[in-house]
Amino acid sequence: MAENSGKSADAFRTISEVSDRLDVPQHVLRFWETKFTQVKPLKRAGGRRYYRPEDIELLERLRDLLYAEGYTIRGVQKLLREKGVKALLAEQNAAPETKADAPPPSTPPAAVEADGQAMLFPMQAAPPTGLPESARAALSEVLQELQAIRAAL
């Protein structure tokens, strides 16, 4: 986990360093602290936060679950209650799609041309992983309805 900052892999990181590393705004990290009790950075005088390497690893997993896999905050809270932090981190380490050179999951999808109009999300986008098949089917139906409504406009 050594970075170009010259710090060792075991060094504590400031909120700005973690924010840059995860490509997540600092206020989001503070918000996650209120929603996930497992995220406990060390707080020094004046309220300055210092994140341990294990805190950063957990935050990376939370980011992936929320942004890439489509979980809600409640869904991630439930996973943490049922499986625990160690199991969630073990799943991340076992997942082959977790690569250092992959773009961050918060990267918005590219605009796609459809009928001369730019769309934010491609029509062929796969639903987020981690959803049950029934939820995927329901989302697919909603998407088809929205496409029909858009075509009628």
Foldseek 3Di string as FASTA:
>chain_A
DDDPPPDDLFFWDWLVVLCVLQVHDSVVVVVVVVLDVVQDFDADPPRTGTHGNLNSLLVNLVQCCVQQQPDDSVRVVVCCVVPNSVRSSVVVVPDPVDDPPDDRSNDFDDWDDDPNDTDRDDPPDQHGHPDDPVVSVVVNVVSVVVVVVVVVD
